[in-house]
Amino acid sequence: MIAYQQQQTSQLHRIDPLSKLVLLFCIAWLTMRLHSSLGQALLLFIVLLTARWAGGMPWGRQAKALALLAGFAIPYFLVTLLTVPGEQVLLHWGPLRLTVEALDTAGSVTIRMFTVFLSSYVFMFTTDPRDMVQSLTERLRIPYRFAFGISMALSFLPLLEEEARSISAAHQVRGQGKPDGLHGRLEWWRIFASALIHNAVRRMQQTAGAMEAKGFGAYPDRTFLREGMPMRKGLALAVSAVMLTAGLCWYIYIVNL
C-alpha cells in the first residue's frame, strides 16, 4: 500500500517532493482544461512515458495501477456514452443513441481519471514520505504536528495491511474461511472488519501514548536527523512545468482543444 520504491535511482527520485508536487498540480490543471479525448489521450501518453523513463516505473506496474481504476472508469464511460446528448448520430438502437459528442465526452472524462490517478501514483512511487514531511515543515512552514500526522497515517497503512493478512490467516486456521452465499459473506466481512478496526484502535492508542511520553508537540519547532533534498534541479523543473502549462493553456484557449 506504500508505493515508494527506495531502491530506485530514477530522475524523479532525485527531485525534491515540493517540485514534484508542483508538476503534479500542473498535470491536474491540464486535465481540467483539455476537453477532447484526443488531447486527454496525448497527455496520458506523456504521463506513461514519464513514469517509465523518468520515474523508473515498469510497464507492468503501471498496468496494475490503472487496472485498479478500470472497475470504476469503464462503467462510468458507458453511462456517459449513453446519456450525453449530441447531434452527430453514429448508432441508433431503439431509445439508445450513440453520438460523436457523447463518445468524445465519455473518452475525455475517462482518460482524465486515468491520467490524474497515474500521475498521483508516480508521485507516491518516487517520493519518500519522510522527505515529504520534512519539506512541508522546513520549506512551507507547515506546523510539524500536522505534517507528522500525515506521516503517521501513511505508516499505519502497511501495518493495517499486515493485520488484515494475519486476521484472514487466523480465520482460515479456525475453519472460518469465506463462506458461500451473500448472507454468509456479509457476516464474514462484518467479523473481519470488526477485528481489523479493533486492532487499529489499539495500535493508535499505543502510538499516542508513546508520543505523549516522548513529549511530542511540547516545543514549537522540531529538528531533523537527515538533511533536506536540494531544490536546484527541482526548482528548474517546477518553473519549466508552470511555464509550459501556461503556454499550453493559452494554446488550448486559442484553438479550443
Protein backbone atom coordinates (compact mmCIF):
# COMPACT_ATOMS: atom_id res chain seq x y z
CA MET A 1 0.00 0.00 0.00
CA ILE A 2 3.03 2.30 0.31
CA ALA A 3 4.13 2.77 -3.29
CA TYR A 4 7.54 4.38 -2.63
CA GLN A 5 10.48 2.39 -4.02
CA GLN A 6 13.60 3.26 -2.05
CA GLN A 7 15.96 1.19 -4.20
CA GLN A 8 15.13 3.17 -7.35
CA THR A 9 17.53 5.85 -8.59
CA SER A 10 15.48 7.47 -11.34
CA GLN A 11 15.45 11.15 -12.23
CA LEU A 12 12.21 11.78 -10.33
CA HIS A 13 13.60 10.05 -7.24
CA ARG A 14 16.30 12.73 -7.09
CA ILE A 15 13.83 15.63 -7.28
CA ASP A 16 12.52 17.18 -4.07
CA PRO A 17 8.86 16.47 -3.17
CA LEU A 18 7.59 20.05 -3.44
CA SER A 19 8.85 20.43 -7.02
CA LYS A 20 7.18 17.17 -7.98
CA LEU A 21 4.03 18.38 -6.27
CA VAL A 22 4.05 21.47 -8.50
CA LEU A 23 4.44 19.20 -11.52
CA LEU A 24 1.54 17.08 -10.28
CA PHE A 25 -0.69 20.16 -9.93
CA CYS A 26 0.27 21.27 -13.45
CA ILE A 27 -0.79 17.89 -14.86
CA ALA A 28 -4.06 18.05 -12.93
CA TRP A 29 -4.70 21.57 -14.22
CA LEU A 30 -4.11 20.47 -17.81
CA THR A 31 -6.54 17.58 -17.43
CA MET A 32 -9.19 20.06 -16.35
CA ARG A 33 -8.52 22.38 -19.29
CA LEU A 34 -8.48 19.71 -22.02
CA HIS A 35 -11.96 18.83 -23.22
CA SER A 36 -11.30 16.49 -26.15
CA SER A 37 -10.49 12.81 -25.91
CA LEU A 38 -7.53 13.28 -28.27
CA GLY A 39 -5.92 15.89 -26.01
CA GLN A 40 -6.53 13.74 -22.93
CA ALA A 41 -5.02 10.70 -24.70
CA LEU A 42 -1.89 12.66 -25.61
CA LEU A 43 -1.50 13.83 -22.01
CA LEU A 44 -1.94 10.29 -20.69
CA PHE A 45 0.66 9.06 -23.18
CA ILE A 46 3.13 11.68 -21.90
CA VAL A 47 2.47 10.65 -18.29
CA LEU A 48 3.02 6.98 -19.20
CA LEU A 49 6.38 7.77 -20.81
CA THR A 50 7.37 10.00 -17.88
CA ALA A 51 6.51 7.27 -15.39
CA ARG A 52 8.58 4.72 -17.31
CA TRP A 53 11.66 6.68 -18.33
CA ALA A 54 11.86 9.45 -15.69
CA GLY A 55 10.30 7.60 -12.75
CA GLY A 56 11.60 4.07 -13.40
CA MET A 57 8.13 2.52 -13.07
CA PRO A 58 7.80 -0.72 -15.09
CA TRP A 59 5.04 -1.03 -17.64
CA GLY A 60 3.51 -3.92 -15.71
CA ARG A 61 3.21 -1.87 -12.55
CA GLN A 62 1.57 0.95 -14.47
CA ALA A 63 -0.92 -1.52 -15.94
CA LYS A 64 -1.75 -2.89 -12.48
CA ALA A 65 -2.25 0.63 -11.12
CA LEU A 66 -4.60 1.55 -13.95
CA ALA A 67 -6.44 -1.77 -13.61
CA LEU A 68 -7.45 -0.73 -10.08
CA LEU A 69 -9.34 2.21 -11.56
CA ALA A 70 -10.79 0.37 -14.54
CA GLY A 71 -13.59 -1.18 -12.47
CA PHE A 72 -14.99 2.31 -11.87
CA ALA A 73 -13.86 4.08 -15.04
CA ILE A 74 -15.33 1.64 -17.58
CA PRO A 75 -18.91 1.70 -16.16
CA TYR A 76 -18.67 5.48 -15.91
CA PHE A 77 -17.59 5.58 -19.55
CA LEU A 78 -20.61 3.53 -20.60
CA VAL A 79 -23.05 5.63 -18.58
CA THR A 80 -21.64 8.86 -20.01
CA LEU A 81 -21.66 7.40 -23.50
CA LEU A 82 -25.39 6.67 -23.33
CA THR A 83 -26.56 9.80 -21.50
CA VAL A 84 -24.70 12.74 -23.06
CA PRO A 85 -26.76 14.36 -25.85
CA GLY A 86 -25.35 15.09 -29.29
CA GLU A 87 -26.25 15.82 -32.91
CA GLN A 88 -23.97 13.55 -34.99
CA VAL A 89 -25.50 10.09 -34.53
CA LEU A 90 -23.24 7.07 -35.03
CA LEU A 91 -25.62 4.30 -33.94
CA HIS A 92 -29.31 4.26 -33.15
CA TRP A 93 -31.00 1.31 -31.50
CA GLY A 94 -34.43 1.85 -30.02
CA PRO A 95 -34.30 4.59 -27.37
CA LEU A 96 -30.48 4.42 -27.26
CA ARG A 97 -28.49 6.86 -29.39
CA LEU A 98 -24.70 6.86 -29.73
CA THR A 99 -23.39 10.24 -30.87
CA VAL A 100 -19.96 11.59 -31.72
CA GLU A 101 -20.23 14.20 -28.96
CA ALA A 102 -21.07 11.56 -26.36
CA LEU A 103 -18.15 9.38 -27.46
CA ASP A 104 -15.73 12.28 -27.25
CA THR A 105 -17.05 13.41 -23.84
CA ALA A 106 -17.01 9.90 -22.38
CA GLY A 107 -13.49 9.27 -23.63
CA SER A 108 -12.26 12.62 -22.31
CA VAL A 109 -13.71 12.12 -18.82
CA THR A 110 -12.50 8.52 -18.54
CA ILE A 111 -8.96 9.22 -19.75
CA ARG A 112 -8.82 12.20 -17.39
CA MET A 113 -9.39 9.88 -14.43
CA PHE A 114 -6.59 7.56 -15.59
CA THR A 115 -4.19 10.49 -16.03
CA VAL A 116 -4.85 12.01 -12.60
CA PHE A 117 -4.63 8.62 -10.89
CA LEU A 118 -1.42 7.53 -12.64
CA SER A 119 0.36 10.87 -12.10
CA SER A 120 -0.52 10.74 -8.39
CA TYR A 121 0.71 7.16 -8.19
CA VAL A 122 4.01 8.15 -9.83
CA PHE A 123 4.38 10.89 -7.23
CA MET A 124 3.95 8.35 -4.41
CA PHE A 125 6.23 5.87 -6.23
CA THR A 126 9.12 8.37 -6.38
CA THR A 127 8.66 10.30 -3.10
CA ASP A 128 9.87 9.24 0.31
CA PRO A 129 7.17 10.14 2.88
CA ARG A 130 9.89 11.32 5.26
CA ASP A 131 11.19 13.79 2.67
CA MET A 132 7.64 14.99 2.09
CA VAL A 133 7.12 15.65 5.81
CA GLN A 134 10.44 17.44 6.08
CA SER A 135 9.72 19.60 3.02
CA LEU A 136 6.31 20.58 4.33
CA THR A 137 7.83 21.56 7.67
CA GLU A 138 11.02 23.30 6.57
CA ARG A 139 10.04 24.79 3.19
CA LEU A 140 6.35 25.60 3.58
CA ARG A 141 6.50 26.21 7.35
CA ILE A 142 3.54 23.93 7.98
CA PRO A 143 3.27 23.03 11.71
CA TYR A 144 5.18 19.82 12.26
CA ARG A 145 2.30 18.33 14.24
CA PHE A 146 0.14 18.37 11.10
CA ALA A 147 2.98 17.13 8.86
CA PHE A 148 3.83 14.27 11.18
CA GLY A 149 0.14 13.41 11.36
CA ILE A 150 0.26 12.75 7.62
CA SER A 151 3.40 10.67 8.10
CA MET A 152 1.79 8.62 10.85
CA ALA A 153 -1.27 7.98 8.71
CA LEU A 154 0.95 6.68 5.91
CA SER A 155 2.92 4.49 8.30
CA PHE A 156 -0.29 2.87 9.55
CA LEU A 157 -1.28 1.67 6.07
CA PRO A 158 1.24 -1.20 5.77
CA LEU A 159 0.60 -2.12 9.42
CA LEU A 160 -3.13 -2.43 8.76
CA GLU A 161 -2.41 -4.43 5.63
CA GLU A 162 -0.31 -6.87 7.65
CA GLU A 163 -3.00 -7.02 10.32
CA ALA A 164 -5.56 -7.89 7.64
CA ARG A 165 -3.38 -10.77 6.43
CA SER A 166 -2.95 -12.07 9.98
CA ILE A 167 -6.67 -11.89 10.72
CA SER A 168 -7.54 -13.64 7.47
CA ALA A 169 -4.99 -16.38 8.16
CA ALA A 170 -6.35 -16.84 11.71
CA HIS A 171 -9.88 -17.20 10.36
CA GLN A 172 -8.74 -19.86 7.90
CA VAL A 173 -6.92 -21.82 10.62
CA ARG A 174 -10.09 -21.82 12.68
CA GLY A 175 -12.11 -23.02 9.71
CA GLN A 176 -13.80 -19.66 9.19
CA GLY A 177 -12.94 -19.04 5.56
CA LYS A 178 -15.15 -17.02 3.25
CA PRO A 179 -18.49 -18.87 3.11
CA ASP A 180 -20.79 -19.21 0.13
CA GLY A 181 -23.88 -17.09 -0.20
CA LEU A 182 -24.46 -13.38 0.22
CA HIS A 183 -25.57 -13.54 3.88
CA GLY A 184 -22.56 -15.65 4.91
CA ARG A 185 -20.11 -13.38 3.11
CA LEU A 186 -21.61 -10.27 4.67
CA GLU A 187 -21.36 -11.83 8.11
CA TRP A 188 -17.73 -12.86 7.45
CA TRP A 189 -16.82 -9.34 6.34
CA ARG A 190 -18.55 -7.86 9.42
CA ILE A 191 -16.44 -10.00 11.74
CA PHE A 192 -13.30 -9.32 9.73
CA ALA A 193 -13.84 -5.53 9.72
CA SER A 194 -14.61 -5.51 13.46
CA ALA A 195 -11.36 -7.32 14.26
CA LEU A 196 -9.38 -5.02 11.96
CA ILE A 197 -10.86 -1.84 13.47
CA HIS A 198 -10.22 -3.15 17.00
CA ASN A 199 -6.55 -3.77 16.23
CA ALA A 200 -6.23 -0.38 14.50
CA VAL A 201 -7.65 1.44 17.54
CA ARG A 202 -5.30 -0.49 19.83
CA ARG A 203 -2.27 0.48 17.73
CA MET A 204 -3.34 4.14 17.65
CA GLN A 205 -3.68 4.18 21.44
CA GLN A 206 -0.20 2.69 21.82
CA THR A 207 1.28 5.21 19.37
CA ALA A 208 -0.45 8.15 21.05
CA GLY A 209 0.84 7.03 24.45
CA ALA A 210 4.39 6.71 23.13
CA MET A 211 4.26 10.17 21.51
CA GLU A 212 2.93 11.73 24.69
CA ALA A 213 5.63 10.04 26.78
CA LYS A 214 8.32 11.46 24.47
CA GLY A 215 6.90 14.97 24.70
CA PHE A 216 5.79 15.23 21.07
CA GLY A 217 4.38 18.69 20.41
CA ALA A 218 5.85 20.27 23.53
CA TYR A 219 8.08 22.66 21.54
CA PRO A 220 7.18 24.99 18.67
CA ASP A 221 9.98 23.71 16.39
CA ARG A 222 11.47 20.32 15.67
CA THR A 223 14.89 19.27 14.40
CA PHE A 224 15.58 16.58 11.78
CA LEU A 225 18.35 14.00 11.70
CA ARG A 226 18.53 13.97 7.90
CA GLU A 227 19.21 16.87 5.56
CA GLY A 228 16.54 18.08 3.21
CA MET A 229 16.81 17.32 -0.50
CA PRO A 230 18.43 20.06 -2.63
CA MET A 231 15.94 22.12 -4.66
CA ARG A 232 18.12 23.31 -7.54
CA LYS A 233 17.02 20.68 -10.06
CA GLY A 234 13.53 20.62 -8.67
CA LEU A 235 13.13 24.39 -8.91
CA ALA A 236 14.12 24.33 -12.58
CA LEU A 237 11.62 21.51 -13.18
CA ALA A 238 8.83 23.34 -11.33
CA VAL A 239 9.39 26.64 -13.18
CA SER A 240 9.55 24.83 -16.53
CA ALA A 241 6.35 22.93 -15.73
CA VAL A 242 4.48 26.11 -14.78
CA MET A 243 5.64 27.95 -17.92
CA LEU A 244 4.81 25.00 -20.18
CA THR A 245 1.39 24.63 -18.56
CA ALA A 246 0.64 28.33 -19.01
CA GLY A 247 1.65 28.12 -22.67
CA LEU A 248 -0.46 25.02 -23.28
CA CYS A 249 -3.46 26.57 -21.53
CA TRP A 250 -3.15 29.62 -23.78
CA TYR A 251 -2.92 27.36 -26.84
CA ILE A 252 -5.93 25.31 -25.68
CA TYR A 253 -7.92 28.51 -25.24
CA ILE A 254 -6.97 29.73 -28.73
CA VAL A 255 -7.71 26.52 -30.65
CA ASN A 256 -10.47 25.34 -28.25
CA LEU A 257 -8.96 21.84 -27.96
